[in-house]
Amino acid sequence: MGAEIRSSTFITSDGVRLRVLETVPRGPAGALANTMPVVAFVPGWSMPANIWQPQLAAIGAGRRVAALDPRGQGESEIPARGFDIERRAADVRDFVARYDRVVLVGWSLGALEALQCVHRYGDARLEALVLVDSSVGEDSPPAPATRFIEALQQDRRATIKAFVREMFSSSRTALELDALVDAALRMPLEASLSLFPRGIPREHWRDIARRFSKPLLYVVTEQFAAQARSLLQNRPGTRIAVFEAAGHALFVDEPDRFNQLLVTFFDEMAADARGVPDRP
C-alpha cells in the first residue's frame, strides 16, 4: 500500500536544527514495521536526504525508514560551526538516538561519519551497519581528493556540476541534476571543504570496520571492489556486493537491485537472530 513520507526536525546536542524524512507504512505493514529496526540513511558530501527517495518509497512501504539532511545540507540549518568529522559523527549519534533499534546506512562521506559515530559513541542502538561506496581503509587506496578541492576553490559551480553528473551511470533529467547542484551549493564553500576528514590515517577507518561486531554490509562500485575483497578476507562474515556498471550513487542507478540487497540483508539478520540455519 506504499508509505507516507513525512518531514520532521530535531535539535542536535549543540543546538542545530536538522531535518529528517521519515516513512510511515500504511495498512497491515504499519504494525509489523514497528517491530523492526528503523533503517536510517545518511547521504554523502553535500547531498540532501531526498537522494534516498527510491529507498524511502520502496523499503518504506514495509519498514520505518528515516533519511537525514546533515547540517548544512538539504533543508537542515546552516550553522557557523560543526563542519568536521567529530561534530558530524555526533550529529549521526543524535539522529540514531531518536530510535530504539537502527540499521545505519551511510553513503560516501556518510559512511565515514557512521564509522566515526561507532568509534566515538559505540553501537548500542545499532542492529547492523551498511557502508555504501566509500573507502574503508583496506588495500587499494582511492585517488587523493587534492585536485577536487583545488577545482572547487577555482570554479565551484562547474566542479559541482561535473561531480553531480559523474555520480550516475544512468540517464538523469536536467531538473534532477540541477536540483542536486543547487543543494550542494547551499553550503558555504569553506564549510564544504571542512567536511573532508583530512589528516586521519586510512587505518583508522579500517580498524573501526574490522572491529564492528554486528552484521556489516559493504556495497560498492568497481573503484572499491578490491577493498571489499580485503575487508571480507580480514573480517569473515562481512556481506559484500559490487555494482560493476553503476555510478557512485549506485542506489539511484540500480535501485531495485540495491533495495533487494538490503531486504535480503535484513532477512538474513532476522534469521540469524532466530537461530535459523543457512539454506543449503
C-alpha atoms as a PDB file:
ATOM      1  CA  MET A   1       0.000   0.000   0.000  1.00  0.00           C
ATOM      2  CA  GLY A   2       3.012   2.287  -0.027  1.00  0.00           C
ATOM      3  CA  ALA A   3       4.200   4.681   2.632  1.00  0.00           C
ATOM      4  CA  GLU A   4       3.586   8.248   3.622  1.00  0.00           C
ATOM      5  CA  ILE A   5       6.763  10.333   3.762  1.00  0.00           C
ATOM      6  CA  ARG A   6       6.830  12.963   6.475  1.00  0.00           C
ATOM      7  CA  SER A   7       9.309  15.740   7.191  1.00  0.00           C
ATOM      8  CA  SER A   8      10.323  16.462  10.765  1.00  0.00           C
ATOM      9  CA  THR A   9      13.169  18.176  12.592  1.00  0.00           C
ATOM     10  CA  PHE A  10      15.195  17.685  15.735  1.00  0.00           C
ATOM     11  CA  ILE A  11      17.766  19.713  17.638  1.00  0.00           C
ATOM     12  CA  THR A  12      21.295  18.349  17.956  1.00  0.00           C
ATOM     13  CA  SER A  13      23.238  18.324  21.197  1.00  0.00           C
ATOM     14  CA  ASP A  14      24.949  21.570  20.124  1.00  0.00           C
ATOM     15  CA  GLY A  15      21.695  23.324  19.261  1.00  0.00           C
ATOM     16  CA  VAL A  16      21.422  22.920  15.467  1.00  0.00           C
ATOM     17  CA  ARG A  17      18.105  22.055  13.791  1.00  0.00           C
ATOM     18  CA  LEU A  18      18.337  19.130  11.363  1.00  0.00           C
ATOM     19  CA  ARG A  19      15.638  17.811   9.067  1.00  0.00           C
ATOM     20  CA  VAL A  20      14.668  14.155   8.675  1.00  0.00           C
ATOM     21  CA  LEU A  21      12.451  12.469   6.090  1.00  0.00           C
ATOM     22  CA  GLU A  22      10.579   9.560   7.661  1.00  0.00           C
ATOM     23  CA  THR A  23       8.189   6.978   6.273  1.00  0.00           C
ATOM     24  CA  VAL A  24       5.018   5.744   7.875  1.00  0.00           C
ATOM     25  CA  PRO A  25       3.966   2.407   6.293  1.00  0.00           C
ATOM     26  CA  ARG A  26       0.238   2.102   5.685  1.00  0.00           C
ATOM     27  CA  GLY A  27      -2.110  -0.787   6.346  1.00  0.00           C
ATOM     28  CA  PRO A  28      -1.052  -4.077   7.967  1.00  0.00           C
ATOM     29  CA  ALA A  29       2.608  -3.289   7.210  1.00  0.00           C
ATOM     30  CA  GLY A  30       2.467  -0.408   9.646  1.00  0.00           C
ATOM     31  CA  ALA A  31       2.023  -2.564  12.743  1.00  0.00           C
ATOM     32  CA  LEU A  32       4.712  -5.001  11.611  1.00  0.00           C
ATOM     33  CA  ALA A  33       7.116  -2.146  10.849  1.00  0.00           C
ATOM     34  CA  ASN A  34       7.031  -1.057  14.479  1.00  0.00           C
ATOM     35  CA  THR A  35       8.643  -4.379  15.477  1.00  0.00           C
ATOM     36  CA  MET A  36      11.596  -3.903  13.110  1.00  0.00           C
ATOM     37  CA  PRO A  37      14.698  -1.718  13.348  1.00  0.00           C
ATOM     38  CA  VAL A  38      14.441   1.681  11.702  1.00  0.00           C
ATOM     39  CA  VAL A  39      16.571   1.927   8.551  1.00  0.00           C
ATOM     40  CA  ALA A  40      18.442   5.224   8.946  1.00  0.00           C
ATOM     41  CA  PHE A  41      20.137   6.709   5.859  1.00  0.00           C
ATOM     42  CA  VAL A  42      22.951   9.284   5.882  1.00  0.00           C
ATOM     43  CA  PRO A  43      23.842  10.840   2.494  1.00  0.00           C
ATOM     44  CA  GLY A  44      27.259  11.794   1.218  1.00  0.00           C
ATOM     45  CA  TRP A  45      29.148  15.056   0.844  1.00  0.00           C
ATOM     46  CA  SER A  46      26.811  18.000   0.112  1.00  0.00           C
ATOM     47  CA  MET A  47      23.867  15.772  -0.871  1.00  0.00           C
ATOM     48  CA  PRO A  48      20.311  16.029   0.534  1.00  0.00           C
ATOM     49  CA  ALA A  49      18.227  13.358   2.238  1.00  0.00           C
ATOM     50  CA  ASN A  50      15.872  13.063  -0.717  1.00  0.00           C
ATOM     51  CA  ILE A  51      18.569  11.442  -2.824  1.00  0.00           C
ATOM     52  CA  TRP A  52      17.385   8.309  -0.962  1.00  0.00           C
ATOM     53  CA  GLN A  53      13.914   8.709  -2.496  1.00  0.00           C
ATOM     54  CA  PRO A  54      13.999   5.262  -4.200  1.00  0.00           C
ATOM     55  CA  GLN A  55      14.647   3.676  -0.802  1.00  0.00           C
ATOM     56  CA  LEU A  56      12.115   5.811   1.068  1.00  0.00           C
ATOM     57  CA  ALA A  57       9.437   4.803  -1.439  1.00  0.00           C
ATOM     58  CA  ALA A  58      10.240   1.092  -1.781  1.00  0.00           C
ATOM     59  CA  ILE A  59      11.697  -0.030   1.542  1.00  0.00           C
ATOM     60  CA  GLY A  60       9.499   2.437   3.401  1.00  0.00           C
ATOM     61  CA  ALA A  61       6.421   0.568   2.207  1.00  0.00           C
ATOM     62  CA  GLY A  62       7.158  -2.193   4.694  1.00  0.00           C
ATOM     63  CA  ARG A  63       9.551  -0.694   7.234  1.00  0.00           C
ATOM     64  CA  ARG A  64      10.158   2.522   9.074  1.00  0.00           C
ATOM     65  CA  VAL A  65      12.802   4.436   7.145  1.00  0.00           C
ATOM     66  CA  ALA A  66      14.470   7.741   8.009  1.00  0.00           C
ATOM     67  CA  ALA A  67      16.853   9.846   5.923  1.00  0.00           C
ATOM     68  CA  LEU A  68      18.927  12.652   7.413  1.00  0.00           C
ATOM     69  CA  ASP A  69      19.718  16.061   5.980  1.00  0.00           C
ATOM     70  CA  PRO A  70      23.126  16.600   7.640  1.00  0.00           C
ATOM     71  CA  ARG A  71      23.944  20.085   8.894  1.00  0.00           C
ATOM     72  CA  GLY A  72      24.232  22.500   6.017  1.00  0.00           C
ATOM     73  CA  GLN A  73      22.654  20.042   3.588  1.00  0.00           C
ATOM     74  CA  GLY A  74      19.154  19.657   2.199  1.00  0.00           C
ATOM     75  CA  GLU A  75      16.771  21.676   4.368  1.00  0.00           C
ATOM     76  CA  SER A  76      18.776  21.499   7.586  1.00  0.00           C
ATOM     77  CA  GLU A  77      20.146  24.570   9.320  1.00  0.00           C
ATOM     78  CA  ILE A  78      23.449  26.032   8.120  1.00  0.00           C
ATOM     79  CA  PRO A  79      25.272  26.906  11.348  1.00  0.00           C
ATOM     80  CA  ALA A  80      28.573  28.716  11.629  1.00  0.00           C
ATOM     81  CA  ARG A  81      30.294  25.682  13.135  1.00  0.00           C
ATOM     82  CA  GLY A  82      30.428  21.923  13.231  1.00  0.00           C
ATOM     83  CA  PHE A  83      31.569  21.042   9.705  1.00  0.00           C
ATOM     84  CA  ASP A  84      34.096  18.428  10.771  1.00  0.00           C
ATOM     85  CA  ILE A  85      34.092  14.669  11.219  1.00  0.00           C
ATOM     86  CA  GLU A  86      33.785  14.765  15.007  1.00  0.00           C
ATOM     87  CA  ARG A  87      30.715  17.003  15.124  1.00  0.00           C
ATOM     88  CA  ARG A  88      29.086  15.263  12.188  1.00  0.00           C
ATOM     89  CA  ALA A  89      29.600  11.919  13.932  1.00  0.00           C
ATOM     90  CA  ALA A  90      27.856  13.440  16.947  1.00  0.00           C
ATOM     91  CA  ASP A  91      25.027  14.507  14.640  1.00  0.00           C
ATOM     92  CA  VAL A  92      24.684  10.899  13.469  1.00  0.00           C
ATOM     93  CA  ARG A  93      24.565   9.837  17.112  1.00  0.00           C
ATOM     94  CA  ASP A  94      21.805  12.384  17.765  1.00  0.00           C
ATOM     95  CA  PHE A  95      19.933  11.138  14.689  1.00  0.00           C
ATOM     96  CA  VAL A  96      20.195   7.482  15.717  1.00  0.00           C
ATOM     97  CA  ALA A  97      19.172   8.312  19.299  1.00  0.00           C
ATOM     98  CA  ARG A  98      15.664   9.128  18.034  1.00  0.00           C
ATOM     99  CA  TYR A  99      15.026   5.397  17.595  1.00  0.00           C
ATOM    100  CA  ASP A 100      15.363   2.296  19.775  1.00  0.00           C
ATOM    101  CA  ARG A 101      16.893  -0.018  17.155  1.00  0.00           C
ATOM    102  CA  VAL A 102      18.589   1.052  13.952  1.00  0.00           C
ATOM    103  CA  VAL A 103      20.210  -0.287  10.819  1.00  0.00           C
ATOM    104  CA  LEU A 104      22.538   2.598   9.917  1.00  0.00           C
ATOM    105  CA  VAL A 105      23.248   3.138   6.208  1.00  0.00           C
ATOM    106  CA  GLY A 106      25.981   5.624   5.254  1.00  0.00           C
ATOM    107  CA  TRP A 107      26.989   6.577   1.740  1.00  0.00           C
ATOM    108  CA  SER A 108      30.378   8.045   0.771  1.00  0.00           C
ATOM    109  CA  LEU A 109      31.284  10.672   3.405  1.00  0.00           C
ATOM    110  CA  GLY A 110      28.212   9.496   5.314  1.00  0.00           C
ATOM    111  CA  ALA A 111      29.837   6.071   5.659  1.00  0.00           C
ATOM    112  CA  LEU A 112      32.892   7.617   7.331  1.00  0.00           C
ATOM    113  CA  GLU A 113      30.658   9.666   9.621  1.00  0.00           C
ATOM    114  CA  ALA A 114      28.815   6.462  10.547  1.00  0.00           C
ATOM    115  CA  LEU A 115      32.114   4.722  11.314  1.00  0.00           C
ATOM    116  CA  GLN A 116      33.292   7.658  13.415  1.00  0.00           C
ATOM    117  CA  CYS A 117      29.989   7.599  15.280  1.00  0.00           C
ATOM    118  CA  VAL A 118      30.557   3.922  16.120  1.00  0.00           C
ATOM    119  CA  HIS A 119      34.135   4.706  17.156  1.00  0.00           C
ATOM    120  CA  ARG A 120      33.184   7.589  19.476  1.00  0.00           C
ATOM    121  CA  TYR A 121      29.814   6.507  20.831  1.00  0.00           C
ATOM    122  CA  GLY A 122      29.567   2.753  20.431  1.00  0.00           C
ATOM    123  CA  ASP A 123      26.947   0.649  18.718  1.00  0.00           C
ATOM    124  CA  ALA A 124      24.357   0.039  21.454  1.00  0.00           C
ATOM    125  CA  ARG A 125      21.406   1.168  19.308  1.00  0.00           C
ATOM    126  CA  LEU A 126      22.700  -0.378  16.096  1.00  0.00           C
ATOM    127  CA  GLU A 127      21.459  -3.699  14.794  1.00  0.00           C
ATOM    128  CA  ALA A 128      23.713  -3.512  11.740  1.00  0.00           C
ATOM    129  CA  LEU A 129      25.780  -1.197   9.567  1.00  0.00           C
ATOM    130  CA  VAL A 130      25.648  -0.695   5.795  1.00  0.00           C
ATOM    131  CA  LEU A 131      28.527   1.193   4.153  1.00  0.00           C
ATOM    132  CA  VAL A 132      27.946   2.355   0.582  1.00  0.00           C
ATOM    133  CA  ASP A 133      30.715   3.188  -1.913  1.00  0.00           C
ATOM    134  CA  SER A 134      33.261   4.668   0.455  1.00  0.00           C
ATOM    135  CA  SER A 135      36.852   3.767   1.208  1.00  0.00           C
ATOM    136  CA  VAL A 136      37.154   1.842   4.471  1.00  0.00           C
ATOM    137  CA  GLY A 137      40.952   1.899   4.676  1.00  0.00           C
ATOM    138  CA  GLU A 138      41.584  -1.513   3.162  1.00  0.00           C
ATOM    139  CA  ASP A 139      44.186  -2.207   0.455  1.00  0.00           C
ATOM    140  CA  SER A 140      43.908  -0.296  -2.845  1.00  0.00           C
ATOM    141  CA  PRO A 141      43.546   3.291  -1.620  1.00  0.00           C
ATOM    142  CA  PRO A 142      41.461   5.748  -3.686  1.00  0.00           C
ATOM    143  CA  ALA A 143      42.961   8.717  -5.503  1.00  0.00           C
ATOM    144  CA  PRO A 144      43.611  11.712  -3.211  1.00  0.00           C
ATOM    145  CA  ALA A 145      40.982  14.462  -3.192  1.00  0.00           C
ATOM    146  CA  THR A 146      43.524  17.285  -3.581  1.00  0.00           C
ATOM    147  CA  ARG A 147      42.664  18.091  -7.198  1.00  0.00           C
ATOM    148  CA  PHE A 148      38.953  18.072  -6.470  1.00  0.00           C
ATOM    149  CA  ILE A 149      39.438  20.530  -3.606  1.00  0.00           C
ATOM    150  CA  GLU A 150      41.550  22.799  -5.802  1.00  0.00           C
ATOM    151  CA  ALA A 151      38.905  22.680  -8.537  1.00  0.00           C
ATOM    152  CA  LEU A 152      36.196  23.639  -6.033  1.00  0.00           C
ATOM    153  CA  GLN A 153      38.243  26.660  -4.980  1.00  0.00           C
ATOM    154  CA  GLN A 154      38.787  27.727  -8.601  1.00  0.00           C
ATOM    155  CA  ASP A 155      35.303  27.216 -10.087  1.00  0.00           C
ATOM    156  CA  ARG A 156      32.900  25.763  -7.575  1.00  0.00           C
ATOM    157  CA  ARG A 157      29.725  25.653  -9.659  1.00  0.00           C
ATOM    158  CA  ALA A 158      31.353  23.989 -12.668  1.00  0.00           C
ATOM    159  CA  THR A 159      33.142  21.477 -10.440  1.00  0.00           C
ATOM    160  CA  ILE A 160      29.959  20.514  -8.603  1.00  0.00           C
ATOM    161  CA  LYS A 161      28.018  20.231 -11.873  1.00  0.00           C
ATOM    162  CA  ALA A 162      30.619  17.773 -13.132  1.00  0.00           C
ATOM    163  CA  PHE A 163      30.668  15.944  -9.788  1.00  0.00           C
ATOM    164  CA  VAL A 164      26.884  15.503  -9.814  1.00  0.00           C
ATOM    165  CA  ARG A 165      26.781  14.301 -13.433  1.00  0.00           C
ATOM    166  CA  GLU A 166      29.523  11.769 -12.752  1.00  0.00           C
ATOM    167  CA  MET A 167      27.678  10.279  -9.740  1.00  0.00           C
ATOM    168  CA  PHE A 168      25.341   8.470 -12.123  1.00  0.00           C
ATOM    169  CA  SER A 169      25.788   5.964 -14.915  1.00  0.00           C
ATOM    170  CA  SER A 170      22.077   6.108 -15.719  1.00  0.00           C
ATOM    171  CA  SER A 171      20.407   8.965 -17.554  1.00  0.00           C
ATOM    172  CA  ARG A 172      19.009  11.618 -15.186  1.00  0.00           C
ATOM    173  CA  THR A 173      16.863  14.605 -16.071  1.00  0.00           C
ATOM    174  CA  ALA A 174      18.321  18.089 -16.173  1.00  0.00           C
ATOM    175  CA  LEU A 175      15.821  19.072 -13.483  1.00  0.00           C
ATOM    176  CA  GLU A 176      17.104  16.345 -11.144  1.00  0.00           C
ATOM    177  CA  LEU A 177      20.760  17.191 -11.746  1.00  0.00           C
ATOM    178  CA  ASP A 178      20.198  20.937 -11.333  1.00  0.00           C
ATOM    179  CA  ALA A 179      18.381  20.343  -8.034  1.00  0.00           C
ATOM    180  CA  LEU A 180      21.341  18.381  -6.670  1.00  0.00           C
ATOM    181  CA  VAL A 181      23.795  21.054  -7.837  1.00  0.00           C
ATOM    182  CA  ASP A 182      21.746  23.769  -6.135  1.00  0.00           C
ATOM    183  CA  ALA A 183      21.558  21.649  -2.978  1.00  0.00           C
ATOM    184  CA  ALA A 184      25.343  21.239  -2.927  1.00  0.00           C
ATOM    185  CA  LEU A 185      25.909  24.971  -3.449  1.00  0.00           C
ATOM    186  CA  ARG A 186      23.689  25.838  -0.479  1.00  0.00           C
ATOM    187  CA  MET A 187      26.523  25.176   1.976  1.00  0.00           C
ATOM    188  CA  PRO A 188      29.312  27.801   2.163  1.00  0.00           C
ATOM    189  CA  LEU A 189      32.467  26.770   0.325  1.00  0.00           C
ATOM    190  CA  GLU A 190      34.761  26.716   3.357  1.00  0.00           C
ATOM    191  CA  ALA A 191      32.239  24.658   5.318  1.00  0.00           C
ATOM    192  CA  SER A 192      32.024  22.137   2.477  1.00  0.00           C
ATOM    193  CA  LEU A 193      35.818  21.854   2.331  1.00  0.00           C
ATOM    194  CA  SER A 194      35.995  21.337   6.096  1.00  0.00           C
ATOM    195  CA  LEU A 195      33.879  18.214   5.740  1.00  0.00           C
ATOM    196  CA  PHE A 196      36.720  16.224   4.182  1.00  0.00           C
ATOM    197  CA  PRO A 197      38.366  14.301   7.065  1.00  0.00           C
ATOM    198  CA  ARG A 198      41.959  15.100   6.145  1.00  0.00           C
ATOM    199  CA  GLY A 199      44.826  14.094   8.398  1.00  0.00           C
ATOM    200  CA  ILE A 200      43.184  10.870   9.594  1.00  0.00           C
ATOM    201  CA  PRO A 201      45.190   7.752   8.663  1.00  0.00           C
ATOM    202  CA  ARG A 202      43.383   5.234   6.474  1.00  0.00           C
ATOM    203  CA  GLU A 203      43.989   2.553   9.095  1.00  0.00           C
ATOM    204  CA  HIS A 204      41.610   4.404  11.407  1.00  0.00           C
ATOM    205  CA  TRP A 205      38.614   3.513   9.202  1.00  0.00           C
ATOM    206  CA  ARG A 206      39.909   0.015   8.562  1.00  0.00           C
ATOM    207  CA  ASP A 207      40.197  -0.752  12.255  1.00  0.00           C
ATOM    208  CA  ILE A 208      36.712   0.549  13.082  1.00  0.00           C
ATOM    209  CA  ALA A 209      35.118  -1.535  10.332  1.00  0.00           C
ATOM    210  CA  ARG A 210      37.034  -4.676  11.255  1.00  0.00           C
ATOM    211  CA  ARG A 211      36.164  -4.317  14.948  1.00  0.00           C
ATOM    212  CA  PHE A 212      32.460  -3.803  14.353  1.00  0.00           C
ATOM    213  CA  SER A 213      30.908  -6.914  15.869  1.00  0.00           C
ATOM    214  CA  LYS A 214      27.417  -6.793  14.380  1.00  0.00           C
ATOM    215  CA  PRO A 215      26.228  -7.533  10.818  1.00  0.00           C
ATOM    216  CA  LEU A 216      28.031  -5.413   8.229  1.00  0.00           C
ATOM    217  CA  LEU A 217      27.168  -4.979   4.561  1.00  0.00           C
ATOM    218  CA  TYR A 218      29.647  -3.215   2.262  1.00  0.00           C
ATOM    219  CA  VAL A 219      28.162  -2.208  -1.111  1.00  0.00           C
ATOM    220  CA  VAL A 220      30.497  -0.640  -3.641  1.00  0.00           C
ATOM    221  CA  THR A 221      31.204   0.194  -7.248  1.00  0.00           C
ATOM    222  CA  GLU A 222      34.231  -1.187  -9.050  1.00  0.00           C
ATOM    223  CA  GLN A 223      36.534   1.511  -7.599  1.00  0.00           C
ATOM    224  CA  PHE A 224      36.296  -0.131  -4.153  1.00  0.00           C
ATOM    225  CA  ALA A 225      35.974  -3.766  -5.230  1.00  0.00           C
ATOM    226  CA  ALA A 226      39.494  -4.605  -4.039  1.00  0.00           C
ATOM    227  CA  GLN A 227      38.747  -3.025  -0.652  1.00  0.00           C
ATOM    228  CA  ALA A 228      35.564  -5.125  -0.419  1.00  0.00           C
ATOM    229  CA  ARG A 229      37.529  -8.328  -1.036  1.00  0.00           C
ATOM    230  CA  SER A 230      40.147  -7.295   1.510  1.00  0.00           C
ATOM    231  CA  LEU A 231      37.521  -6.478   4.133  1.00  0.00           C
ATOM    232  CA  LEU A 232      35.846  -9.832   3.606  1.00  0.00           C
ATOM    233  CA  GLN A 233      39.187 -11.620   3.947  1.00  0.00           C
ATOM    234  CA  ASN A 234      40.081  -9.773   7.138  1.00  0.00           C
ATOM    235  CA  ARG A 235      36.585  -9.674   8.611  1.00  0.00           C
ATOM    236  CA  PRO A 236      34.893 -13.004   7.814  1.00  0.00           C
ATOM    237  CA  GLY A 237      31.128 -12.791   7.766  1.00  0.00           C
ATOM    238  CA  THR A 238      31.016  -9.373   6.105  1.00  0.00           C
ATOM    239  CA  ARG A 239      28.457  -9.232   3.304  1.00  0.00           C
ATOM    240  CA  ILE A 240      29.809  -7.524   0.204  1.00  0.00           C
ATOM    241  CA  ALA A 241      28.320  -6.601  -3.156  1.00  0.00           C
ATOM    242  CA  VAL A 242      29.916  -4.928  -6.175  1.00  0.00           C
ATOM    243  CA  PHE A 243      27.837  -2.894  -8.639  1.00  0.00           C
ATOM    244  CA  GLU A 244      30.068  -3.088 -11.708  1.00  0.00           C
ATOM    245  CA  ALA A 245      28.012  -0.864 -14.017  1.00  0.00           C
ATOM    246  CA  ALA A 246      26.676   1.729 -11.567  1.00  0.00           C
ATOM    247  CA  GLY A 247      27.935   5.177 -10.701  1.00  0.00           C
ATOM    248  CA  HIS A 248      28.835   6.458  -7.258  1.00  0.00           C
ATOM    249  CA  ALA A 249      25.131   6.898  -6.433  1.00  0.00           C
ATOM    250  CA  LEU A 250      24.573   3.204  -7.119  1.00  0.00           C
ATOM    251  CA  PHE A 251      21.337   3.104  -5.110  1.00  0.00           C
ATOM    252  CA  VAL A 252      19.857   5.599  -7.605  1.00  0.00           C
ATOM    253  CA  ASP A 253      21.315   3.964 -10.713  1.00  0.00           C
ATOM    254  CA  GLU A 254      20.164   0.465  -9.726  1.00  0.00           C
ATOM    255  CA  PRO A 255      17.509   0.992  -7.047  1.00  0.00           C
ATOM    256  CA  ASP A 256      15.757  -2.349  -7.445  1.00  0.00           C
ATOM    257  CA  ARG A 257      18.970  -4.318  -7.015  1.00  0.00           C
ATOM    258  CA  PHE A 258      20.117  -2.177  -4.092  1.00  0.00           C
ATOM    259  CA  ASN A 259      16.742  -2.347  -2.348  1.00  0.00           C
ATOM    260  CA  GLN A 260      16.549  -6.112  -2.750  1.00  0.00           C
ATOM    261  CA  LEU A 261      20.079  -6.402  -1.395  1.00  0.00           C
ATOM    262  CA  LEU A 262      19.031  -4.518   1.730  1.00  0.00           C
ATOM    263  CA  VAL A 263      15.863  -6.598   2.158  1.00  0.00           C
ATOM    264  CA  THR A 264      17.875  -9.822   1.828  1.00  0.00           C
ATOM    265  CA  PHE A 265      20.371  -8.495   4.385  1.00  0.00           C
ATOM    266  CA  PHE A 266      17.536  -7.677   6.780  1.00  0.00           C
ATOM    267  CA  ASP A 267      16.024 -11.140   6.303  1.00  0.00           C
ATOM    268  CA  GLU A 268      19.385 -12.811   6.976  1.00  0.00           C
ATOM    269  CA  MET A 269      19.793 -10.733  10.131  1.00  0.00           C
ATOM    270  CA  ALA A 270      16.350 -11.801  11.339  1.00  0.00           C
ATOM    271  CA  ALA A 271      17.088 -15.457  10.552  1.00  0.00           C
ATOM    272  CA  ASP A 272      20.402 -15.255  12.416  1.00  0.00           C
ATOM    273  CA  ALA A 273      18.643 -13.727  15.411  1.00  0.00           C
ATOM    274  CA  ARG A 274      16.147 -16.611  15.428  1.00  0.00           C
ATOM    275  CA  GLY A 275      18.928 -19.180  15.057  1.00  0.00           C
ATOM    276  CA  VAL A 276      17.651 -20.356  11.676  1.00  0.00           C
ATOM    277  CA  PRO A 277      20.375 -22.319   9.828  1.00  0.00           C
ATOM    278  CA  ASP A 278      21.578 -21.182   6.421  1.00  0.00           C
ATOM    279  CA  ARG A 279      19.929 -22.755   3.429  1.00  0.00           C
ATOM    280  CA  PRO A 280      21.978 -25.489   1.724  1.00  0.00           C
END
